[in-house]
Protein backbone atom coordinates (compact mmCIF):
# COMPACT_ATOMS: atom_id res chain seq x y z
CA UNK A 1 -38.54 5.71 -20.32
CA UNK A 2 -36.01 2.31 -20.90
CA UNK A 3 -37.81 1.83 -24.23
CA UNK A 4 -35.03 0.12 -25.86
CA UNK A 5 -35.99 -3.67 -26.97
CA UNK A 6 -34.42 -4.92 -29.90
CA UNK A 7 -30.73 -5.25 -28.53
CA UNK A 8 -28.19 -7.32 -30.04
CA UNK A 9 -24.51 -7.53 -29.41
CA UNK A 10 -21.82 -8.40 -31.96
CA UNK A 11 -17.95 -8.24 -31.78
CA UNK A 12 -16.16 -5.36 -33.30
CA UNK A 13 -13.36 -6.31 -35.80
CA UNK A 14 -10.99 -3.30 -35.68
CA UNK A 15 -11.72 -1.19 -32.86
CA UNK A 16 -9.64 -2.56 -29.97
CA UNK A 17 -11.30 -0.90 -26.61
CA UNK A 18 -10.01 -1.36 -23.33
CA UNK A 19 -12.79 -1.04 -19.91
CA UNK A 20 -9.83 0.47 -17.80
CA UNK A 21 -8.61 3.02 -19.99
CA UNK A 22 -6.73 4.66 -16.68
CA UNK A 23 -4.34 2.32 -16.24
CA UNK A 24 -1.79 3.88 -18.97
CA UNK A 25 -1.93 7.16 -16.61
CA UNK A 26 -0.96 4.79 -13.66
CA UNK A 27 2.01 3.35 -15.92
CA UNK A 28 3.00 6.91 -16.75
CA UNK A 29 2.98 7.61 -13.19
CA UNK A 30 5.34 4.72 -12.07
CA UNK A 31 7.60 5.65 -14.52
CA UNK A 32 7.87 9.36 -14.30
CA UNK A 33 8.60 9.19 -10.43
CA UNK A 34 11.55 6.54 -11.32
CA UNK A 35 9.43 3.88 -9.14
CA UNK A 36 10.10 1.30 -11.65
CA UNK A 37 13.92 1.70 -11.54
CA UNK A 38 13.64 2.11 -7.76
CA UNK A 39 12.06 -1.60 -7.12
CA UNK A 40 14.47 -2.92 -9.16
CA UNK A 41 17.62 -1.10 -8.19
CA UNK A 42 16.94 -2.33 -4.84
CA UNK A 43 14.86 -5.39 -4.63
CA UNK A 44 16.77 -8.76 -5.98
CA UNK A 45 14.61 -11.84 -5.56
CA UNK A 46 14.98 -13.52 -8.97
CA UNK A 47 18.13 -14.91 -10.41
CA UNK A 48 17.49 -14.35 -13.98
CA UNK A 49 14.97 -11.73 -15.73
CA UNK A 50 13.22 -14.10 -18.26
CA UNK A 51 11.00 -12.41 -18.75
CA UNK A 52 10.21 -10.62 -16.09
CA UNK A 53 11.76 -8.20 -13.60
CA UNK A 54 10.47 -7.53 -10.03
CA UNK A 55 8.89 -4.42 -10.82
CA UNK A 56 6.84 -6.18 -13.26
CA UNK A 57 5.48 -8.52 -10.60
CA UNK A 58 5.06 -5.45 -7.94
CA UNK A 59 3.14 -3.42 -10.51
CA UNK A 60 1.13 -6.47 -12.07
CA UNK A 61 -0.25 -6.64 -8.39
CA UNK A 62 -1.07 -3.37 -8.11
CA UNK A 63 -2.13 -2.39 -11.91
CA UNK A 64 -4.81 -5.67 -11.05
CA UNK A 65 -6.40 -3.89 -8.60
CA UNK A 66 -6.41 -0.13 -10.19
CA UNK A 67 -8.20 -2.31 -13.44
CA UNK A 68 -10.90 -2.93 -11.03
CA UNK A 69 -9.75 -6.67 -10.17
CA UNK A 70 -10.56 -7.77 -6.51
CA UNK A 71 -8.30 -11.01 -6.10
CA UNK A 72 -5.09 -12.37 -7.23
CA UNK A 73 -7.30 -14.94 -9.22
CA UNK A 74 -8.20 -11.80 -11.17
CA UNK A 75 -4.98 -11.77 -12.89
CA UNK A 76 -6.02 -14.13 -15.57
CA UNK A 77 -8.42 -11.84 -16.77
CA UNK A 78 -5.68 -9.44 -17.21
CA UNK A 79 -3.09 -11.62 -19.05
CA UNK A 80 -5.55 -13.05 -21.64
CA UNK A 81 -6.92 -9.44 -22.48
CA UNK A 82 -4.81 -8.74 -25.69
CA UNK A 83 -5.62 -4.94 -25.43
CA UNK A 84 -4.73 -4.64 -21.92
CA UNK A 85 -1.47 -6.33 -22.70
CA UNK A 86 -1.01 -3.51 -25.84
CA UNK A 87 -1.97 -0.65 -23.81
CA UNK A 88 0.85 -1.36 -21.38
CA UNK A 89 3.59 -2.80 -24.16
CA UNK A 90 3.56 -6.11 -22.83
CA UNK A 91 3.85 -9.33 -24.35
CA UNK A 92 3.04 -10.98 -21.30
CA UNK A 93 2.22 -10.57 -17.62
CA UNK A 94 2.85 -13.22 -14.62
CA UNK A 95 -0.49 -15.14 -14.14
CA UNK A 96 -2.13 -15.85 -10.62
CA UNK A 97 0.23 -18.85 -10.05
CA UNK A 98 3.55 -17.12 -10.84
CA UNK A 99 2.41 -14.07 -8.72
CA UNK A 100 1.72 -16.25 -5.54
CA UNK A 101 5.03 -17.90 -6.13
CA UNK A 102 6.90 -14.36 -6.48
CA UNK A 103 5.38 -13.47 -3.25
CA UNK A 104 6.50 -16.99 -1.21
CA UNK A 105 10.27 -15.54 -2.57
CA UNK A 106 9.90 -13.05 -0.12
CA UNK A 107 12.04 -12.80 3.56
CA UNK A 108 11.27 -10.17 5.93
CA UNK A 109 14.12 -8.18 5.16
CA UNK A 110 13.27 -8.30 1.48
CA UNK A 111 9.60 -6.81 2.20
CA UNK A 112 11.49 -3.92 4.27
CA UNK A 113 13.14 -3.14 1.17
CA UNK A 114 10.75 -3.14 -1.04
CA UNK A 115 8.66 -0.41 1.56
CA UNK A 116 12.23 1.73 1.57
CA UNK A 117 11.89 1.86 -2.40
CA UNK A 118 8.75 2.82 -2.49
CA UNK A 119 9.09 5.56 0.02
CA UNK A 120 12.14 6.77 -1.38
CA UNK A 121 10.25 7.52 -4.29
CA UNK A 122 7.69 8.91 -2.05
CA UNK A 123 9.85 11.31 -0.76
CA UNK A 124 10.53 12.39 -4.63
CA UNK A 125 6.86 13.17 -4.99
CA UNK A 126 6.48 15.01 -1.93
CA UNK A 127 8.85 17.51 -2.53
CA UNK A 128 7.04 18.59 -5.57
CA UNK A 129 4.40 19.98 -3.17
CA UNK A 130 3.91 23.87 -2.12
CA UNK A 131 5.47 25.38 0.89
CA UNK A 132 2.76 25.32 3.50
CA UNK A 133 2.64 21.35 2.69
CA UNK A 134 5.80 20.72 4.75
CA UNK A 135 4.91 22.73 7.98
CA UNK A 136 3.68 19.37 10.24
CA UNK A 137 3.84 15.61 9.16
CA UNK A 138 0.81 13.69 11.49
CA UNK A 139 1.85 10.23 11.39
CA UNK A 140 -1.01 7.73 12.53
CA UNK A 141 -0.56 4.39 13.74
CA UNK A 142 -2.86 1.39 14.65
CA UNK A 143 -3.66 -1.97 13.90
CA UNK A 144 -6.09 -4.22 11.86
CA UNK A 145 -7.54 -7.80 12.13
CA UNK A 146 -7.56 -9.91 8.87
CA UNK A 147 -9.62 -13.14 9.11
CA UNK A 148 -9.43 -15.97 6.86
CA UNK A 149 -11.38 -18.99 6.38
CA UNK A 150 -8.05 -21.09 5.66
CA UNK A 151 -6.63 -23.47 7.57
CA UNK A 152 -3.36 -24.07 6.59
CA UNK A 153 -1.85 -20.63 6.61
CA UNK A 154 1.63 -20.31 8.40
CA UNK A 155 1.70 -17.74 11.00
CA UNK A 156 -2.29 -17.50 11.60
CA UNK A 157 -3.69 -17.23 15.18
CA UNK A 158 -7.03 -16.72 17.02
CA UNK A 159 -7.41 -12.84 17.75
CA UNK A 160 -9.06 -11.51 20.80
CA UNK A 161 -12.34 -11.12 18.76
CA UNK A 162 -12.27 -14.86 18.31
CA UNK A 163 -11.50 -14.77 14.51
CA UNK A 164 -8.11 -16.77 12.76
CA UNK A 165 -5.98 -14.55 10.59
CA UNK A 166 -3.16 -11.73 11.16
CA UNK A 167 -3.14 -8.69 12.50
CA UNK A 168 -1.10 -5.82 10.65
CA UNK A 169 -0.03 -2.69 11.84
CA UNK A 170 -0.52 0.37 9.54
CA UNK A 171 1.89 3.49 9.82
CA UNK A 172 0.18 6.43 7.70
CA UNK A 173 0.40 10.01 7.03
CA UNK A 174 -2.43 11.70 7.77
CA UNK A 175 -1.87 14.74 5.41
CA UNK A 176 -2.10 12.66 2.40
CA UNK A 177 -3.68 9.33 3.70
CA UNK A 178 -0.96 7.42 2.53
CA UNK A 179 0.10 4.05 4.27
CA UNK A 180 3.84 4.52 4.80
CA UNK A 181 4.66 1.53 6.36
CA UNK A 182 2.58 -1.97 6.46
CA UNK A 183 4.18 -4.76 9.21
CA UNK A 184 1.82 -8.25 8.75
CA UNK A 185 1.61 -9.93 12.49
CA UNK A 186 0.21 -13.07 13.83
CA UNK A 187 -3.43 -12.73 14.60
CA UNK A 188 -2.81 -12.96 18.59
CA UNK A 189 -0.20 -9.90 18.40
CA UNK A 190 -1.09 -7.01 20.64
CA UNK A 191 -1.93 -3.79 18.42
CA UNK A 192 1.15 -1.90 19.59
CA UNK A 193 3.56 -4.58 18.71
CA UNK A 194 6.17 -3.18 16.56
CA UNK A 195 4.82 0.22 16.39
CA UNK A 196 8.10 2.11 18.03
CA UNK A 197 10.40 0.95 15.42
CA UNK A 198 8.01 2.18 12.40
CA UNK A 199 6.93 5.34 14.02
CA UNK A 200 10.88 5.88 14.09
CA UNK A 201 11.20 5.10 10.40
CA UNK A 202 8.54 7.40 9.59
CA UNK A 203 9.66 10.19 11.38
CA UNK A 204 13.18 9.66 9.70
CA UNK A 205 11.44 9.48 6.36
CA UNK A 206 9.28 12.97 6.67
CA UNK A 207 12.46 14.59 8.06
CA UNK A 208 14.34 13.61 4.94
CA UNK A 209 11.53 15.26 2.46
CA UNK A 210 11.63 18.30 4.70
CA UNK A 211 8.93 18.31 7.18
CA UNK A 212 9.47 20.89 9.80
CA UNK A 213 7.54 19.47 12.50
CA UNK A 214 6.31 15.75 13.34
CA UNK A 215 3.66 15.02 15.18
CA UNK A 216 2.74 11.52 16.22
CA UNK A 217 -0.57 9.82 17.23
CA UNK A 218 -2.00 6.61 18.16
CA UNK A 219 -5.12 5.32 20.52
CA UNK A 220 -4.48 4.02 24.07
CA UNK A 221 -2.37 0.80 22.95
CA UNK A 222 0.55 3.07 21.16
CA UNK A 223 1.22 4.89 24.09
CA UNK A 224 5.04 3.99 23.73
CA UNK A 225 5.91 4.84 27.09
CA UNK A 226 9.62 4.12 26.86
CA UNK A 227 10.04 6.09 23.66
CA UNK A 228 8.39 9.94 25.12
CA UNK A 229 11.89 10.96 26.66
CA UNK A 230 13.59 10.20 23.39
CA UNK A 231 10.97 11.62 21.04
CA UNK A 232 10.86 14.86 23.40
CA UNK A 233 14.46 15.29 23.19
CA UNK A 234 14.35 14.88 19.67
CA UNK A 235 11.78 17.72 18.85
CA UNK A 236 8.84 15.53 17.95
CA UNK A 237 5.63 16.04 19.23
CA UNK A 238 3.03 13.45 20.23
CA UNK A 239 -0.76 12.75 21.33
CA UNK A 240 -1.24 9.48 22.66
CA UNK A 241 -4.41 7.95 24.36
CA UNK A 242 -3.76 6.95 27.94
CA UNK A 243 -5.63 3.98 29.72
CA UNK A 244 -8.34 5.44 32.70
CA UNK A 245 -6.28 3.71 35.17
CA UNK A 246 -7.38 4.54 38.69
CA UNK A 247 -4.73 6.43 39.85
CA UNK A 248 -5.68 8.80 36.57
CA UNK A 249 -9.20 8.65 37.74
CA UNK A 250 -8.58 9.30 41.29
CA UNK A 251 -6.76 12.38 40.37
CA UNK A 252 -9.10 13.93 37.60
CA UNK A 253 -12.24 13.56 40.61
CA UNK A 254 -9.86 15.37 42.82
CA UNK A 255 -9.62 18.30 40.40
CA UNK A 256 -11.51 21.61 41.68
CA UNK A 257 -14.22 22.37 39.47
CA UNK A 258 -12.20 25.53 38.71
CA UNK A 259 -10.04 23.84 36.65
CA UNK A 260 -12.75 22.44 34.20
CA UNK A 261 -13.59 24.28 30.89
CA UNK A 262 -16.38 23.35 28.85
CA UNK A 263 -15.30 21.50 25.57
CA UNK A 264 -15.10 23.47 22.32
CA UNK A 265 -15.58 21.04 19.40
CA UNK A 266 -15.85 23.01 16.09
CA UNK A 267 -19.00 22.62 13.74
CA UNK A 268 -19.14 19.27 11.83
CA UNK A 269 -19.88 21.42 8.49
CA UNK A 270 -21.17 24.92 7.36
CA UNK A 271 -24.44 25.39 6.62
CA UNK A 272 -24.00 27.16 2.70
CA UNK A 273 -28.02 27.59 2.28
CA UNK A 274 -31.07 27.75 5.02
CA UNK A 275 -30.86 25.32 7.62
CA UNK A 276 -33.17 21.88 7.48
CA UNK A 277 -35.61 20.11 9.31
CA UNK A 278 -33.96 17.79 11.20
CA UNK A 279 -35.89 14.19 10.39
CA UNK A 280 -36.96 12.35 13.24
CA UNK A 281 -35.01 10.20 14.81
CA UNK A 282 -36.91 6.61 14.45
CA UNK A 283 -34.15 4.64 16.33
CA UNK A 284 -34.51 6.78 19.15
CA UNK A 285 -38.28 6.56 19.25
CA UNK A 286 -37.80 2.49 19.26
CA UNK A 287 -35.09 2.82 22.38
CA UNK A 288 -37.73 4.81 24.29
CA UNK A 289 -40.85 2.71 23.30
CA UNK A 290 -39.27 -0.60 24.33
CA UNK A 291 -37.42 0.82 26.95
CA UNK A 292 -33.96 -0.24 25.86
CA UNK A 293 -31.45 1.12 28.24
CA UNK A 294 -29.82 4.40 26.45
CA UNK A 295 -26.83 6.37 27.35
CA UNK A 296 -27.47 10.03 26.29
CA UNK A 297 -24.31 12.83 26.38
CA UNK A 298 -25.38 15.69 28.39
CA UNK A 299 -22.17 17.79 28.61
CA UNK A 300 -18.35 17.75 28.02
CA UNK A 301 -15.94 19.40 30.09
CA UNK A 302 -11.78 19.47 29.62
CA UNK A 303 -9.08 20.12 31.97
CA UNK A 304 -5.29 18.95 32.51
CA UNK A 305 -2.23 18.41 34.81
CA UNK A 306 0.93 17.14 35.02
CA UNK A 307 1.68 13.52 34.92
CA UNK A 308 4.75 11.21 35.00
CA UNK A 309 4.09 8.17 32.62
CA UNK A 310 6.30 4.62 33.95
CA UNK A 311 9.43 4.39 32.08
CA UNK A 312 9.61 8.51 31.94
CA UNK A 313 11.88 10.55 33.45
CA UNK A 314 10.03 13.84 33.28
CA UNK A 315 6.81 14.95 33.24
CA UNK A 316 4.16 15.33 30.36
CA UNK A 317 0.99 17.51 29.69
CA UNK A 318 -2.32 14.91 30.45
CA UNK A 319 -5.17 16.57 29.06
CA UNK A 320 -8.47 14.51 30.34
CA UNK A 321 -11.98 14.73 28.99
CA UNK A 322 -15.03 14.70 31.15
CA UNK A 323 -18.06 13.54 29.91
CA UNK A 324 -21.51 13.83 31.56
CA UNK A 325 -23.53 11.08 31.03
CA UNK A 326 -27.13 9.95 31.99
CA UNK A 327 -28.50 6.68 31.59
CA UNK A 328 -31.99 6.17 30.73
CA UNK A 329 -34.50 3.56 30.26
CA UNK A 330 -37.68 4.53 28.37
CA UNK A 331 -38.79 8.06 29.47
CA UNK A 332 -36.92 7.55 33.11
CA UNK A 333 -33.15 8.61 33.87
CA UNK A 334 -31.85 5.76 36.11
CA UNK A 335 -28.66 7.49 36.99
CA UNK A 336 -25.90 9.77 35.98
CA UNK A 337 -22.42 8.73 34.96
CA UNK A 338 -18.82 10.21 34.78
CA UNK A 339 -16.48 8.99 32.23
CA UNK A 340 -12.80 10.27 31.83
CA UNK A 341 -10.93 10.12 28.88
CA UNK A 342 -7.21 11.03 29.09
CA UNK A 343 -4.51 12.30 26.18
CA UNK A 344 -0.84 12.56 27.05
CA UNK A 345 1.26 15.03 24.72
CA UNK A 346 4.38 16.99 24.93
CA UNK A 347 2.50 20.05 23.35
CA UNK A 348 2.51 22.86 25.68
CA UNK A 349 1.35 25.80 23.40
CA UNK A 350 -1.78 24.56 22.13
CA UNK A 351 -4.81 24.67 24.20
CA UNK A 352 -6.61 21.58 25.73
CA UNK A 353 -9.53 21.83 23.21
CA UNK A 354 -7.15 21.99 20.33
CA UNK A 355 -5.28 18.98 21.90
CA UNK A 356 -8.58 17.00 22.19
CA UNK A 357 -9.78 17.83 18.58
CA UNK A 358 -6.44 16.36 16.69
CA UNK A 359 -6.63 13.30 19.04
CA UNK A 360 -10.11 12.21 17.44
CA UNK A 361 -9.12 13.28 13.94
CA UNK A 362 -6.72 9.99 14.37
CA UNK A 363 -10.02 8.56 13.65
CA UNK A 364 -9.44 9.45 9.97
CA UNK A 365 -6.92 6.41 9.62
CA UNK A 366 -9.79 3.96 10.43
CA UNK A 367 -11.54 5.14 7.31
CA UNK A 368 -8.04 4.56 5.10
CA UNK A 369 -8.11 1.33 7.03
CA UNK A 370 -11.22 0.54 5.64
CA UNK A 371 -10.41 1.61 2.18
CA UNK A 372 -7.27 -0.37 2.24
CA UNK A 373 -9.41 -3.54 3.40
CA UNK A 374 -12.72 -3.19 1.23
CA UNK A 375 -12.25 -0.52 -1.00
CA UNK A 376 -8.62 -1.34 -2.92
CA UNK A 377 -8.90 -4.87 -1.18
CA UNK A 378 -5.14 -4.77 -0.50
CA UNK A 379 -5.34 -6.41 2.86
CA UNK A 380 -5.94 -9.96 1.25
CA UNK A 381 -4.20 -13.15 2.33
CA UNK A 382 -4.38 -15.30 -0.76
CA UNK A 383 -1.05 -16.92 0.08
CA UNK A 384 0.37 -19.32 2.52
CA UNK A 385 2.13 -17.83 5.18
CA UNK A 386 2.64 -14.33 6.92
CA UNK A 387 5.57 -13.16 5.12
CA UNK A 388 4.63 -13.90 1.77
CA UNK A 389 1.10 -12.52 2.71
CA UNK A 390 2.98 -9.54 3.98
CA UNK A 391 4.63 -8.79 0.84
CA UNK A 392 1.24 -8.99 -0.94
CA UNK A 393 -0.21 -6.72 1.11
CA UNK A 394 2.60 -4.12 0.91
CA UNK A 395 2.25 -4.60 -3.37
CA UNK A 396 -1.11 -4.51 -3.07
CA UNK A 397 -1.29 -1.32 -1.24
CA UNK A 398 0.82 0.46 -4.00
CA UNK A 399 -2.78 0.64 -5.97
CA UNK A 400 -4.05 2.95 -3.29
CA UNK A 401 -0.24 4.66 -3.36
CA UNK A 402 -0.32 5.29 -6.82
CA UNK A 403 -3.73 7.17 -6.46
CA UNK A 404 -2.63 9.58 -3.67
CA UNK A 405 0.80 10.10 -6.28
CA UNK A 406 -1.88 10.91 -9.00
CA UNK A 407 -3.92 13.71 -6.73
CA UNK A 408 -0.38 15.21 -5.17
CA UNK A 409 0.77 15.83 -9.11
CA UNK A 410 -2.13 17.57 -10.05
CA UNK A 411 -1.40 21.18 -10.56
CA UNK A 412 -3.00 23.92 -8.53
CA UNK A 413 -1.40 27.27 -9.91
CA UNK A 414 -2.60 29.65 -12.92
CA UNK A 415 -5.65 31.73 -12.77
CA UNK A 416 -7.93 28.88 -11.77
CA UNK A 417 -5.94 28.07 -8.67
CA UNK A 418 -8.78 27.82 -5.95
CA UNK A 419 -10.41 25.42 -8.29
CA UNK A 420 -7.37 23.33 -9.01
CA UNK A 421 -6.46 23.07 -5.65
CA UNK A 422 -9.91 21.89 -3.94
CA UNK A 423 -10.32 19.20 -7.29
CA UNK A 424 -6.93 18.56 -5.79
CA UNK A 425 -8.16 17.76 -2.26
CA UNK A 426 -11.30 16.23 -3.73
CA UNK A 427 -9.13 13.11 -5.57
CA UNK A 428 -6.96 12.77 -2.48
CA UNK A 429 -9.55 12.45 -0.01
CA UNK A 430 -11.64 10.09 -2.79
CA UNK A 431 -13.10 6.48 -1.55
CA UNK A 432 -11.04 3.95 -4.10
CA UNK A 433 -14.23 2.70 -5.90
CA UNK A 434 -15.01 5.85 -6.86
CA UNK A 435 -11.75 6.67 -7.93
CA UNK A 436 -11.59 3.92 -9.98
CA UNK A 437 -14.95 4.57 -11.71
CA UNK A 438 -13.85 8.56 -12.23
CA UNK A 439 -10.00 7.59 -13.16
CA UNK A 440 -9.77 4.22 -14.01
CA UNK A 441 -12.37 2.53 -15.85
CA UNK A 442 -12.68 4.97 -18.32
CA UNK A 443 -13.25 3.35 -22.13
CA UNK A 444 -10.91 3.94 -24.23
CA UNK A 445 -9.88 2.77 -27.91
CA UNK A 446 -5.76 1.34 -27.95
CA UNK A 447 -4.24 2.38 -30.83
CA UNK A 448 -0.54 1.28 -31.31
CA UNK A 449 1.59 3.57 -33.65
CA UNK A 450 5.39 3.66 -35.03
CA UNK A 451 6.50 5.33 -31.85
CA UNK A 452 3.62 5.79 -29.08
CA UNK A 453 0.06 3.90 -27.53
CA UNK A 454 -2.75 6.32 -28.00
CA UNK A 455 -5.58 6.11 -26.04
CA UNK A 456 -8.99 7.48 -27.46
CA UNK A 457 -11.33 8.12 -24.89
CA UNK A 458 -15.10 6.79 -25.72
CA UNK A 459 -16.98 8.32 -23.14
CA UNK A 460 -17.42 11.31 -21.08
CA UNK A 461 -17.65 11.65 -17.07
CA UNK A 462 -17.32 14.61 -14.90
CA UNK A 463 -13.71 13.98 -13.80
CA UNK A 464 -12.42 14.08 -17.48
CA UNK A 465 -10.86 17.20 -17.26
CA UNK A 466 -8.83 16.52 -13.81
CA UNK A 467 -7.78 13.23 -15.39
CA UNK A 468 -6.38 14.87 -18.86
CA UNK A 469 -4.53 17.49 -16.58
CA UNK A 470 -2.85 15.13 -14.70
CA UNK A 471 -2.00 13.13 -17.51
CA UNK A 472 -0.34 16.40 -19.02
CA UNK A 473 1.51 16.61 -15.82
CA UNK A 474 2.93 12.98 -16.18
CA UNK A 475 4.70 13.75 -19.63
CA UNK A 476 6.67 16.74 -17.62
CA UNK A 477 10.08 15.03 -15.60
CA UNK A 478 9.88 15.63 -11.58
CA UNK A 479 11.31 18.73 -10.08
CA UNK A 480 13.81 17.38 -7.74
């Protein structure tokens, strides 16, 4: 079918094309939300603005990733692209060396100031959402390991997995998959270090935005026992994993059989047509044929009891999941095994199954971390010390944040409200690479006129109508 053979390339004389045509929408978004002014008003790192302001440096790094760049060196492609500069109304942009020098200007409190500036704008974006958006804010926390082959990066250390690098903490809003706070740490630091303070800042941020309820979640490393009583007094709900320590396992073993109920898990998806025949499990066949040890889940039960953790003055609800497992080798069952998983919460109204479901949904943050790592390439360490790499991570993660803000700005009212709402949720949950191909890497002709810059779309894709509807909203002021 591919019959073209006589193919030639030539340079166009008058048509000025840009591959990343969606960058204009991101710049409109940064200006409409007041992000540019917020950064320049709060962040002061440059003594003279000749020619760059702080917002120019911050947005330059974010725009590079939104334009398809993957590292700091890709800024060299952007700064030598005259059409890219014209599309943003810029005479020049910082080169990779200048961008690296800007990262090294940061002190720890400067990074905090930058995150507060972004979060102040984030609250304005949230306030554009419908009333049901503010029912409950779900805040997740987790750490992730960033390895590097560099040997001269200050603050790096060896992790428990044996790799050298850093161990950033990420606090995110599960409702929108936005990273609220990012805290870079040495590679040998524990996963929960510093989490309490950033949880508290996230709670204040969500209350400032107007959320009616707040739920904190984390795995077993994030059970902040010293803060549980204070959060309970403040009306903050929490669900944290708890290690299966011997006294908890003993208590679970002593529960009567009548205390256990079958764990109800909702279906992963709804079959809209006819159920399909399940494919043959090739992996399972190989495991059995070669007589590898295999652990199979037979059933799950859930129970609960009260428990007073260390450093707490009152008892909390402890939900325990009992997994009945069988350890097999080939076709033979070697023995049965019982394993317990514990979740501590101050939620007294939800059923035990609902508590487990809410706790398990925290795994969605793993997808966000994966997108920040390998999608947006925001968790990179291109500079030479811990704080400067922390600053780079915060500025680079702004690329993902702008994607989320663009999705939140899409209208969902009118005759096609249900369809528009579904499209909004799809863009919000979209992987970064898919967002690039649908909304950012849109080929455009750039035409500079007397008082405006025109982006003429040169190709079609299935998300074009959503993109244009979003751009139309960016020309309207925020309703704050």
